[in-house]
Amino acid sequence: MYDTLTVEKKHDGDQCTIYVSGVLDYSTMDPFNEEIEALHHGVNNVTINFESLEFIDSTGIGAIINLVHEANDKQFKVELEGINDDMQDLFETIGVFQILDSLQ
């Protein structure tokens, strides 16, 4: 397991994809939050790609939920992709998908 987080952001018009790899937990939140805060105002769609994410804890899930609320406030759409089975189960149990669906 990694003990760091790498965040890479790619823009294509009004679409932004954020690739996260490593560990998204309380000790690695700064790079993730910096990329989220740096989203340009012209972005209408944000996709977070979890394909290379090895681990996420409650702090990381909270950051995802905060992003969904921010997207609702600022009227842009968030999509989650590259989610493995364990993360899928975790997100379903916690209600991340229900929050995403209800706010978008």
PDB file of N, CA and C in Angstrom:
ATOM      1  N   MET A   1       0.837  -1.180   0.000  1.00  0.00           N
ATOM      2  CA  MET A   1       0.000   0.000   0.000  1.00  0.00           C
ATOM      3  C   MET A   1       0.884   1.248   0.000  1.00  0.00           C
ATOM      4  N   TYR A   2       0.429   2.274  -0.695  1.00  0.00           N
ATOM      5  CA  TYR A   2       1.137   3.540  -0.749  1.00  0.00           C
ATOM      6  C   TYR A   2       0.916   4.321   0.546  1.00  0.00           C
ATOM      7  N   ASP A   3       1.788   5.266   0.810  1.00  0.00           N
ATOM      8  CA  ASP A   3       1.557   6.155   1.937  1.00  0.00           C
ATOM      9  C   ASP A   3       1.495   7.603   1.476  1.00  0.00           C
ATOM     10  N   THR A   4       1.301   7.800   0.182  1.00  0.00           N
ATOM     11  CA  THR A   4       1.182   9.133  -0.380  1.00  0.00           C
ATOM     12  C   THR A   4       0.009   9.180  -1.354  1.00  0.00           C
ATOM     13  N   LEU A   5      -0.306  10.368  -1.752  1.00  0.00           N
ATOM     14  CA  LEU A   5      -1.364  10.584  -2.727  1.00  0.00           C
ATOM     15  C   LEU A   5      -0.811  11.422  -3.867  1.00  0.00           C
ATOM     16  N   THR A   6      -1.102  11.007  -5.080  1.00  0.00           N
ATOM     17  CA  THR A   6      -0.770  11.785  -6.261  1.00  0.00           C
ATOM     18  C   THR A   6      -2.082  12.209  -6.907  1.00  0.00           C
ATOM     19  N   VAL A   7      -2.184  13.491  -7.216  1.00  0.00           N
ATOM     20  CA  VAL A   7      -3.385  14.033  -7.843  1.00  0.00           C
ATOM     21  C   VAL A   7      -2.963  14.718  -9.135  1.00  0.00           C
ATOM     22  N   GLU A   8      -3.595  14.321 -10.224  1.00  0.00           N
ATOM     23  CA  GLU A   8      -3.312  14.922 -11.530  1.00  0.00           C
ATOM     24  C   GLU A   8      -4.631  15.389 -12.128  1.00  0.00           C
ATOM     25  N   LYS A   9      -4.633  16.599 -12.646  1.00  0.00           N
ATOM     26  CA  LYS A   9      -5.854  17.188 -13.183  1.00  0.00           C
ATOM     27  C   LYS A   9      -5.656  17.469 -14.666  1.00  0.00           C
ATOM     28  N   LYS A  10      -6.653  17.083 -15.479  1.00  0.00           N
ATOM     29  CA  LYS A  10      -6.609  17.344 -16.915  1.00  0.00           C
ATOM     30  C   LYS A  10      -7.903  18.030 -17.334  1.00  0.00           C
ATOM     31  N   HIS A  11      -7.746  19.125 -18.082  1.00  0.00           N
ATOM     32  CA  HIS A  11      -8.889  19.886 -18.587  1.00  0.00           C
ATOM     33  C   HIS A  11      -9.092  19.612 -20.066  1.00  0.00           C
ATOM     34  N   ASP A  12     -10.352  19.527 -20.448  1.00  0.00           N
ATOM     35  CA  ASP A  12     -10.735  19.435 -21.850  1.00  0.00           C
ATOM     36  C   ASP A  12     -11.999  20.269 -22.012  1.00  0.00           C
ATOM     37  N   GLY A  13     -11.828  21.514 -22.378  1.00  0.00           N
ATOM     38  CA  GLY A  13     -12.971  22.430 -22.461  1.00  0.00           C
ATOM     39  C   GLY A  13     -13.556  22.669 -21.083  1.00  0.00           C
ATOM     40  N   ASP A  14     -14.857  22.392 -20.939  1.00  0.00           N
ATOM     41  CA  ASP A  14     -15.510  22.591 -19.643  1.00  0.00           C
ATOM     42  C   ASP A  14     -15.491  21.329 -18.785  1.00  0.00           C
ATOM     43  N   GLN A  15     -14.758  20.307 -19.245  1.00  0.00           N
ATOM     44  CA  GLN A  15     -14.625  19.042 -18.517  1.00  0.00           C
ATOM     45  C   GLN A  15     -13.269  18.996 -17.809  1.00  0.00           C
ATOM     46  N   CYS A  16     -13.273  18.584 -16.553  1.00  0.00           N
ATOM     47  CA  CYS A  16     -12.038  18.390 -15.799  1.00  0.00           C
ATOM     48  C   CYS A  16     -12.045  16.984 -15.224  1.00  0.00           C
ATOM     49  N   THR A  17     -10.978  16.252 -15.448  1.00  0.00           N
ATOM     50  CA  THR A  17     -10.827  14.923 -14.856  1.00  0.00           C
ATOM     51  C   THR A  17      -9.692  14.979 -13.850  1.00  0.00           C
ATOM     52  N   ILE A  18      -9.977  14.486 -12.655  1.00  0.00           N
ATOM     53  CA  ILE A  18      -8.995  14.447 -11.577  1.00  0.00           C
ATOM     54  C   ILE A  18      -8.642  12.983 -11.342  1.00  0.00           C
ATOM     55  N   TYR A  19      -7.374  12.655 -11.545  1.00  0.00           N
ATOM     56  CA  TYR A  19      -6.880  11.298 -11.343  1.00  0.00           C
ATOM     57  C   TYR A  19      -6.205  11.231  -9.979  1.00  0.00           C
ATOM     58  N   VAL A  20      -6.687  10.335  -9.126  1.00  0.00           N
ATOM     59  CA  VAL A  20      -6.089  10.183  -7.805  1.00  0.00           C
ATOM     60  C   VAL A  20      -5.458   8.797  -7.714  1.00  0.00           C
ATOM     61  N   SER A  21      -4.255   8.748  -7.173  1.00  0.00           N
ATOM     62  CA  SER A  21      -3.594   7.454  -7.000  1.00  0.00           C
ATOM     63  C   SER A  21      -2.892   7.438  -5.656  1.00  0.00           C
ATOM     64  N   GLY A  22      -2.832   6.260  -5.070  1.00  0.00           N
ATOM     65  CA  GLY A  22      -2.208   6.102  -3.758  1.00  0.00           C
ATOM     66  C   GLY A  22      -3.250   5.984  -2.685  1.00  0.00           C
ATOM     67  N   VAL A  23      -3.103   6.793  -1.633  1.00  0.00           N
ATOM     68  CA  VAL A  23      -3.957   6.733  -0.455  1.00  0.00           C
ATOM     69  C   VAL A  23      -4.629   8.083  -0.256  1.00  0.00           C
ATOM     70  N   LEU A  24      -5.952   8.087  -0.159  1.00  0.00           N
ATOM     71  CA  LEU A  24      -6.706   9.298   0.143  1.00  0.00           C
ATOM     72  C   LEU A  24      -7.239   9.157   1.567  1.00  0.00           C
ATOM     73  N   ASP A  25      -6.472   9.706   2.522  1.00  0.00           N
ATOM     74  CA  ASP A  25      -6.863   9.643   3.927  1.00  0.00           C
ATOM     75  C   ASP A  25      -6.510  10.947   4.624  1.00  0.00           C
ATOM     76  N   TYR A  26      -6.674  10.974   5.932  1.00  0.00           N
ATOM     77  CA  TYR A  26      -6.452  12.212   6.698  1.00  0.00           C
ATOM     78  C   TYR A  26      -5.053  12.787   6.508  1.00  0.00           C
ATOM     79  N   SER A  27      -4.073  11.931   6.253  1.00  0.00           N
ATOM     80  CA  SER A  27      -2.697  12.416   6.144  1.00  0.00           C
ATOM     81  C   SER A  27      -2.334  12.905   4.739  1.00  0.00           C
ATOM     82  N   THR A  28      -3.206  12.660   3.758  1.00  0.00           N
ATOM     83  CA  THR A  28      -2.884  13.026   2.372  1.00  0.00           C
ATOM     84  C   THR A  28      -3.930  13.947   1.752  1.00  0.00           C
ATOM     85  N   MET A  29      -4.730  14.601   2.555  1.00  0.00           N
ATOM     86  CA  MET A  29      -5.829  15.417   2.043  1.00  0.00           C
ATOM     87  C   MET A  29      -5.369  16.695   1.343  1.00  0.00           C
ATOM     88  N   ASP A  30      -4.229  17.249   1.723  1.00  0.00           N
ATOM     89  CA  ASP A  30      -3.807  18.536   1.166  1.00  0.00           C
ATOM     90  C   ASP A  30      -3.729  18.549  -0.358  1.00  0.00           C
ATOM     91  N   PRO A  31      -3.056  17.586  -1.003  1.00  0.00           N
ATOM     92  CA  PRO A  31      -2.994  17.634  -2.485  1.00  0.00           C
ATOM     93  C   PRO A  31      -4.376  17.546  -3.129  1.00  0.00           C
ATOM     94  N   PHE A  32      -5.248  16.719  -2.569  1.00  0.00           N
ATOM     95  CA  PHE A  32      -6.594  16.580  -3.124  1.00  0.00           C
ATOM     96  C   PHE A  32      -7.363  17.886  -2.973  1.00  0.00           C
ATOM     97  N   ASN A  33      -7.362  18.440  -1.766  1.00  0.00           N
ATOM     98  CA  ASN A  33      -8.094  19.689  -1.522  1.00  0.00           C
ATOM     99  C   ASN A  33      -7.556  20.842  -2.357  1.00  0.00           C
ATOM    100  N   GLU A  34      -6.238  20.899  -2.556  1.00  0.00           N
ATOM    101  CA  GLU A  34      -5.653  21.961  -3.384  1.00  0.00           C
ATOM    102  C   GLU A  34      -6.158  21.885  -4.819  1.00  0.00           C
ATOM    103  N   GLU A  35      -6.267  20.683  -5.366  1.00  0.00           N
ATOM    104  CA  GLU A  35      -6.764  20.532  -6.739  1.00  0.00           C
ATOM    105  C   GLU A  35      -8.240  20.889  -6.826  1.00  0.00           C
ATOM    106  N   ILE A  36      -9.013  20.522  -5.817  1.00  0.00           N
ATOM    107  CA  ILE A  36     -10.434  20.845  -5.807  1.00  0.00           C
ATOM    108  C   ILE A  36     -10.624  22.361  -5.709  1.00  0.00           C
ATOM    109  N   GLU A  37      -9.876  23.008  -4.827  1.00  0.00           N
ATOM    110  CA  GLU A  37      -9.981  24.455  -4.664  1.00  0.00           C
ATOM    111  C   GLU A  37      -9.539  25.200  -5.914  1.00  0.00           C
ATOM    112  N   ALA A  38      -8.671  24.599  -6.711  1.00  0.00           N
ATOM    113  CA  ALA A  38      -8.134  25.257  -7.902  1.00  0.00           C
ATOM    114  C   ALA A  38      -8.989  25.034  -9.151  1.00  0.00           C
ATOM    115  N   LEU A  39     -10.145  24.401  -8.999  1.00  0.00           N
ATOM    116  CA  LEU A  39     -11.009  24.194 -10.158  1.00  0.00           C
ATOM    117  C   LEU A  39     -11.389  25.551 -10.752  1.00  0.00           C
ATOM    118  N   HIS A  40     -11.297  25.639 -12.057  1.00  0.00           N
ATOM    119  CA  HIS A  40     -11.628  26.879 -12.743  1.00  0.00           C
ATOM    120  C   HIS A  40     -13.142  27.082 -12.776  1.00  0.00           C
ATOM    121  N   HIS A  41     -13.544  28.326 -12.829  1.00  0.00           N
ATOM    122  CA  HIS A  41     -14.968  28.639 -12.822  1.00  0.00           C
ATOM    123  C   HIS A  41     -15.688  28.166 -14.074  1.00  0.00           C
ATOM    124  N   GLY A  42     -14.986  27.959 -15.181  1.00  0.00           N
ATOM    125  CA  GLY A  42     -15.610  27.531 -16.418  1.00  0.00           C
ATOM    126  C   GLY A  42     -15.877  26.039 -16.503  1.00  0.00           C
ATOM    127  N   VAL A  43     -15.619  25.319 -15.434  1.00  0.00           N
ATOM    128  CA  VAL A  43     -15.800  23.865 -15.438  1.00  0.00           C
ATOM    129  C   VAL A  43     -17.270  23.533 -15.179  1.00  0.00           C
ATOM    130  N   ASN A  44     -17.841  22.716 -16.063  1.00  0.00           N
ATOM    131  CA  ASN A  44     -19.224  22.272 -15.897  1.00  0.00           C
ATOM    132  C   ASN A  44     -19.318  20.821 -15.451  1.00  0.00           C
ATOM    133  N   ASN A  45     -18.266  20.046 -15.688  1.00  0.00           N
ATOM    134  CA  ASN A  45     -18.253  18.632 -15.332  1.00  0.00           C
ATOM    135  C   ASN A  45     -16.904  18.276 -14.726  1.00  0.00           C
ATOM    136  N   VAL A  46     -16.951  17.609 -13.580  1.00  0.00           N
ATOM    137  CA  VAL A  46     -15.734  17.119 -12.931  1.00  0.00           C
ATOM    138  C   VAL A  46     -15.866  15.612 -12.785  1.00  0.00           C
ATOM    139  N   THR A  47     -14.890  14.897 -13.293  1.00  0.00           N
ATOM    140  CA  THR A  47     -14.843  13.447 -13.136  1.00  0.00           C
ATOM    141  C   THR A  47     -13.663  13.125 -12.238  1.00  0.00           C
ATOM    142  N   ILE A  48     -13.915  12.323 -11.221  1.00  0.00           N
ATOM    143  CA  ILE A  48     -12.828  11.856 -10.366  1.00  0.00           C
ATOM    144  C   ILE A  48     -12.576  10.399 -10.727  1.00  0.00           C
ATOM    145  N   ASN A  49     -11.346  10.121 -11.142  1.00  0.00           N
ATOM    146  CA  ASN A  49     -10.956   8.777 -11.540  1.00  0.00           C
ATOM    147  C   ASN A  49     -10.196   8.124 -10.391  1.00  0.00           C
ATOM    148  N   PHE A  50     -10.761   7.032  -9.873  1.00  0.00           N
ATOM    149  CA  PHE A  50     -10.200   6.309  -8.736  1.00  0.00           C
ATOM    150  C   PHE A  50      -9.441   5.053  -9.140  1.00  0.00           C
ATOM    151  N   GLU A  51      -9.203   4.863 -10.417  1.00  0.00           N
ATOM    152  CA  GLU A  51      -8.615   3.623 -10.920  1.00  0.00           C
ATOM    153  C   GLU A  51      -7.318   3.235 -10.210  1.00  0.00           C
ATOM    154  N   SER A  52      -6.502   4.216  -9.857  1.00  0.00           N
ATOM    155  CA  SER A  52      -5.214   3.926  -9.213  1.00  0.00           C
ATOM    156  C   SER A  52      -5.220   4.186  -7.718  1.00  0.00           C
ATOM    157  N   LEU A  53      -6.404   4.413  -7.148  1.00  0.00           N
ATOM    158  CA  LEU A  53      -6.487   4.644  -5.710  1.00  0.00           C
ATOM    159  C   LEU A  53      -6.423   3.311  -4.979  1.00  0.00           C
ATOM    160  N   GLU A  54      -5.519   3.208  -4.025  1.00  0.00           N
ATOM    161  CA  GLU A  54      -5.331   1.974  -3.271  1.00  0.00           C
ATOM    162  C   GLU A  54      -6.175   1.917  -1.999  1.00  0.00           C
ATOM    163  N   PHE A  55      -6.430   3.101  -1.406  1.00  0.00           N
ATOM    164  CA  PHE A  55      -7.141   3.133  -0.125  1.00  0.00           C
ATOM    165  C   PHE A  55      -7.811   4.485   0.048  1.00  0.00           C
ATOM    166  N   ILE A  56      -8.988   4.470   0.659  1.00  0.00           N
ATOM    167  CA  ILE A  56      -9.684   5.698   1.028  1.00  0.00           C
ATOM    168  C   ILE A  56     -10.296   5.482   2.405  1.00  0.00           C
ATOM    169  N   ASP A  57     -10.169   6.494   3.277  1.00  0.00           N
ATOM    170  CA  ASP A  57     -10.777   6.394   4.602  1.00  0.00           C
ATOM    171  C   ASP A  57     -11.949   7.366   4.695  1.00  0.00           C
ATOM    172  N   SER A  58     -12.518   7.515   5.879  1.00  0.00           N
ATOM    173  CA  SER A  58     -13.697   8.365   6.053  1.00  0.00           C
ATOM    174  C   SER A  58     -13.401   9.824   5.725  1.00  0.00           C
ATOM    175  N   THR A  59     -12.186  10.275   5.968  1.00  0.00           N
ATOM    176  CA  THR A  59     -11.812  11.646   5.634  1.00  0.00           C
ATOM    177  C   THR A  59     -11.844  11.843   4.120  1.00  0.00           C
ATOM    178  N   GLY A  60     -11.327  10.884   3.381  1.00  0.00           N
ATOM    179  CA  GLY A  60     -11.357  10.949   1.922  1.00  0.00           C
ATOM    180  C   GLY A  60     -12.773  10.908   1.387  1.00  0.00           C
ATOM    181  N   ILE A  61     -13.603  10.052   1.975  1.00  0.00           N
ATOM    182  CA  ILE A  61     -15.005   9.983   1.558  1.00  0.00           C
ATOM    183  C   ILE A  61     -15.704  11.300   1.874  1.00  0.00           C
ATOM    184  N   GLY A  62     -15.381  11.881   3.029  1.00  0.00           N
ATOM    185  CA  GLY A  62     -15.941  13.182   3.375  1.00  0.00           C
ATOM    186  C   GLY A  62     -15.565  14.250   2.361  1.00  0.00           C
ATOM    187  N   ALA A  63     -14.335  14.202   1.860  1.00  0.00           N
ATOM    188  CA  ALA A  63     -13.888  15.166   0.852  1.00  0.00           C
ATOM    189  C   ALA A  63     -14.675  14.996  -0.448  1.00  0.00           C
ATOM    190  N   ILE A  64     -14.977  13.753  -0.800  1.00  0.00           N
ATOM    191  CA  ILE A  64     -15.781  13.493  -2.001  1.00  0.00           C
ATOM    192  C   ILE A  64     -17.187  14.059  -1.811  1.00  0.00           C
ATOM    193  N   ILE A  65     -17.764  13.819  -0.649  1.00  0.00           N
ATOM    194  CA  ILE A  65     -19.113  14.328  -0.359  1.00  0.00           C
ATOM    195  C   ILE A  65     -19.108  15.859  -0.344  1.00  0.00           C
ATOM    196  N   ASN A  66     -18.073  16.462   0.221  1.00  0.00           N
ATOM    197  CA  ASN A  66     -17.967  17.926   0.202  1.00  0.00           C
ATOM    198  C   ASN A  66     -17.906  18.459  -1.217  1.00  0.00           C
ATOM    199  N   LEU A  67     -17.171  17.758  -2.080  1.00  0.00           N
ATOM    200  CA  LEU A  67     -17.095  18.164  -3.483  1.00  0.00           C
ATOM    201  C   LEU A  67     -18.472  18.094  -4.136  1.00  0.00           C
ATOM    202  N   VAL A  68     -19.234  17.066  -3.837  1.00  0.00           N
ATOM    203  CA  VAL A  68     -20.580  16.929  -4.401  1.00  0.00           C
ATOM    204  C   VAL A  68     -21.460  18.098  -3.945  1.00  0.00           C
ATOM    205  N   HIS A  69     -21.366  18.466  -2.664  1.00  0.00           N
ATOM    206  CA  HIS A  69     -22.134  19.615  -2.163  1.00  0.00           C
ATOM    207  C   HIS A  69     -21.675  20.911  -2.826  1.00  0.00           C
ATOM    208  N   GLU A  70     -20.370  21.075  -2.991  1.00  0.00           N
ATOM    209  CA  GLU A  70     -19.839  22.262  -3.660  1.00  0.00           C
ATOM    210  C   GLU A  70     -20.322  22.321  -5.107  1.00  0.00           C
ATOM    211  N   ALA A  71     -20.346  21.179  -5.768  1.00  0.00           N
ATOM    212  CA  ALA A  71     -20.822  21.113  -7.150  1.00  0.00           C
ATOM    213  C   ALA A  71     -22.288  21.543  -7.227  1.00  0.00           C
ATOM    214  N   ASN A  72     -23.061  21.121  -6.255  1.00  0.00           N
ATOM    215  CA  ASN A  72     -24.463  21.520  -6.215  1.00  0.00           C
ATOM    216  C   ASN A  72     -24.583  23.037  -6.044  1.00  0.00           C
ATOM    217  N   ASP A  73     -23.784  23.591  -5.138  1.00  0.00           N
ATOM    218  CA  ASP A  73     -23.818  25.041  -4.891  1.00  0.00           C
ATOM    219  C   ASP A  73     -23.356  25.840  -6.102  1.00  0.00           C
ATOM    220  N   LYS A  74     -22.303  25.361  -6.770  1.00  0.00           N
ATOM    221  CA  LYS A  74     -21.713  26.098  -7.891  1.00  0.00           C
ATOM    222  C   LYS A  74     -22.227  25.623  -9.247  1.00  0.00           C
ATOM    223  N   GLN A  75     -23.166  24.684  -9.221  1.00  0.00           N
ATOM    224  CA  GLN A  75     -23.854  24.183 -10.405  1.00  0.00           C
ATOM    225  C   GLN A  75     -22.934  23.567 -11.450  1.00  0.00           C
ATOM    226  N   PHE A  76     -22.112  22.624 -10.997  1.00  0.00           N
ATOM    227  CA  PHE A  76     -21.401  21.769 -11.943  1.00  0.00           C
ATOM    228  C   PHE A  76     -21.657  20.318 -11.548  1.00  0.00           C
ATOM    229  N   LYS A  77     -21.389  19.416 -12.451  1.00  0.00           N
ATOM    230  CA  LYS A  77     -21.698  18.003 -12.270  1.00  0.00           C
ATOM    231  C   LYS A  77     -20.451  17.232 -11.867  1.00  0.00           C
ATOM    232  N   VAL A  78     -20.601  16.263 -10.973  1.00  0.00           N
ATOM    233  CA  VAL A  78     -19.506  15.395 -10.546  1.00  0.00           C
ATOM    234  C   VAL A  78     -19.830  13.960 -10.952  1.00  0.00           C
ATOM    235  N   GLU A  79     -18.841  13.297 -11.528  1.00  0.00           N
ATOM    236  CA  GLU A  79     -18.952  11.882 -11.854  1.00  0.00           C
ATOM    237  C   GLU A  79     -17.786  11.147 -11.214  1.00  0.00           C
ATOM    238  N   LEU A  80     -18.046   9.921 -10.795  1.00  0.00           N
ATOM    239  CA  LEU A  80     -17.017   9.071 -10.191  1.00  0.00           C
ATOM    240  C   LEU A  80     -16.787   7.894 -11.121  1.00  0.00           C
ATOM    241  N   GLU A  81     -15.516   7.624 -11.439  1.00  0.00           N
ATOM    242  CA  GLU A  81     -15.215   6.507 -12.338  1.00  0.00           C
ATOM    243  C   GLU A  81     -14.000   5.744 -11.831  1.00  0.00           C
ATOM    244  N   GLY A  82     -13.832   4.534 -12.340  1.00  0.00           N
ATOM    245  CA  GLY A  82     -12.682   3.721 -11.976  1.00  0.00           C
ATOM    246  C   GLY A  82     -12.759   3.179 -10.566  1.00  0.00           C
ATOM    247  N   ILE A  83     -13.972   2.983 -10.076  1.00  0.00           N
ATOM    248  CA  ILE A  83     -14.171   2.521  -8.698  1.00  0.00           C
ATOM    249  C   ILE A  83     -14.100   0.997  -8.666  1.00  0.00           C
ATOM    250  N   ASN A  84     -13.242   0.465  -7.796  1.00  0.00           N
ATOM    251  CA  ASN A  84     -13.152  -0.995  -7.679  1.00  0.00           C
ATOM    252  C   ASN A  84     -14.324  -1.521  -6.834  1.00  0.00           C
ATOM    253  N   ASP A  85     -14.462  -2.837  -6.762  1.00  0.00           N
ATOM    254  CA  ASP A  85     -15.600  -3.454  -6.067  1.00  0.00           C
ATOM    255  C   ASP A  85     -15.665  -3.087  -4.594  1.00  0.00           C
ATOM    256  N   ASP A  86     -14.513  -3.079  -3.909  1.00  0.00           N
ATOM    257  CA  ASP A  86     -14.501  -2.735  -2.487  1.00  0.00           C
ATOM    258  C   ASP A  86     -14.951  -1.293  -2.267  1.00  0.00           C
ATOM    259  N   MET A  87     -14.458  -0.401  -3.097  1.00  0.00           N
ATOM    260  CA  MET A  87     -14.840   1.002  -2.976  1.00  0.00           C
ATOM    261  C   MET A  87     -16.317   1.177  -3.328  1.00  0.00           C
ATOM    262  N   GLN A  88     -16.782   0.450  -4.328  1.00  0.00           N
ATOM    263  CA  GLN A  88     -18.196   0.488  -4.720  1.00  0.00           C
ATOM    264  C   GLN A  88     -19.071   0.112  -3.525  1.00  0.00           C
ATOM    265  N   ASP A  89     -18.728  -0.987  -2.859  1.00  0.00           N
ATOM    266  CA  ASP A  89     -19.485  -1.427  -1.683  1.00  0.00           C
ATOM    267  C   ASP A  89     -19.447  -0.380  -0.580  1.00  0.00           C
ATOM    268  N   LEU A  90     -18.272   0.183  -0.329  1.00  0.00           N
ATOM    269  CA  LEU A  90     -18.112   1.199   0.703  1.00  0.00           C
ATOM    270  C   LEU A  90     -18.948   2.438   0.384  1.00  0.00           C
ATOM    271  N   PHE A  91     -18.871   2.918  -0.852  1.00  0.00           N
ATOM    272  CA  PHE A  91     -19.634   4.102  -1.249  1.00  0.00           C
ATOM    273  C   PHE A  91     -21.136   3.840  -1.168  1.00  0.00           C
ATOM    274  N   GLU A  92     -21.570   2.632  -1.525  1.00  0.00           N
ATOM    275  CA  GLU A  92     -22.987   2.287  -1.426  1.00  0.00           C
ATOM    276  C   GLU A  92     -23.433   2.240   0.034  1.00  0.00           C
ATOM    277  N   THR A  93     -22.615   1.635   0.888  1.00  0.00           N
ATOM    278  CA  THR A  93     -22.956   1.517   2.306  1.00  0.00           C
ATOM    279  C   THR A  93     -23.065   2.888   2.969  1.00  0.00           C
ATOM    280  N   ILE A  94     -22.147   3.768   2.668  1.00  0.00           N
ATOM    281  CA  ILE A  94     -22.119   5.093   3.284  1.00  0.00           C
ATOM    282  C   ILE A  94     -23.156   6.023   2.656  1.00  0.00           C
ATOM    283  N   GLY A  95     -23.548   5.760   1.429  1.00  0.00           N
ATOM    284  CA  GLY A  95     -24.566   6.575   0.772  1.00  0.00           C
ATOM    285  C   GLY A  95     -24.021   7.638  -0.156  1.00  0.00           C
ATOM    286  N   VAL A  96     -22.766   7.489  -0.578  1.00  0.00           N
ATOM    287  CA  VAL A  96     -22.159   8.488  -1.473  1.00  0.00           C
ATOM    288  C   VAL A  96     -22.961   8.603  -2.766  1.00  0.00           C
ATOM    289  N   PHE A  97     -23.360   7.481  -3.338  1.00  0.00           N
ATOM    290  CA  PHE A  97     -24.087   7.516  -4.608  1.00  0.00           C
ATOM    291  C   PHE A  97     -25.468   8.144  -4.440  1.00  0.00           C
ATOM    292  N   GLN A  98     -26.115   7.885  -3.301  1.00  0.00           N
ATOM    293  CA  GLN A  98     -27.428   8.472  -3.042  1.00  0.00           C
ATOM    294  C   GLN A  98     -27.317   9.989  -2.902  1.00  0.00           C
ATOM    295  N   ILE A  99     -26.267  10.456  -2.219  1.00  0.00           N
ATOM    296  CA  ILE A  99     -26.043  11.899  -2.086  1.00  0.00           C
ATOM    297  C   ILE A  99     -25.791  12.509  -3.461  1.00  0.00           C
ATOM    298  N   LEU A 100     -24.937  11.848  -4.239  1.00  0.00           N
ATOM    299  CA  LEU A 100     -24.618  12.327  -5.582  1.00  0.00           C
ATOM    300  C   LEU A 100     -25.889  12.429  -6.437  1.00  0.00           C
ATOM    301  N   ASP A 101     -26.708  11.374  -6.400  1.00  0.00           N
ATOM    302  CA  ASP A 101     -27.939  11.368  -7.201  1.00  0.00           C
ATOM    303  C   ASP A 101     -28.937  12.423  -6.731  1.00  0.00           C
ATOM    304  N   SER A 102     -29.062  12.599  -5.426  1.00  0.00           N
ATOM    305  CA  SER A 102     -30.067  13.541  -4.918  1.00  0.00           C
ATOM    306  C   SER A 102     -29.689  14.989  -5.182  1.00  0.00           C
ATOM    307  N   LEU A 103     -28.396  15.298  -5.205  1.00  0.00           N
ATOM    308  CA  LEU A 103     -27.967  16.682  -5.415  1.00  0.00           C
ATOM    309  C   LEU A 103     -27.769  17.035  -6.875  1.00  0.00           C
ATOM    310  N   GLN A 104     -27.675  16.029  -7.730  1.00  0.00           N
ATOM    311  CA  GLN A 104     -27.462  16.330  -9.151  1.00  0.00           C
ATOM    312  C   GLN A 104     -28.677  15.900  -9.909  1.00  0.00           C
TER     313      GLN A 104
END
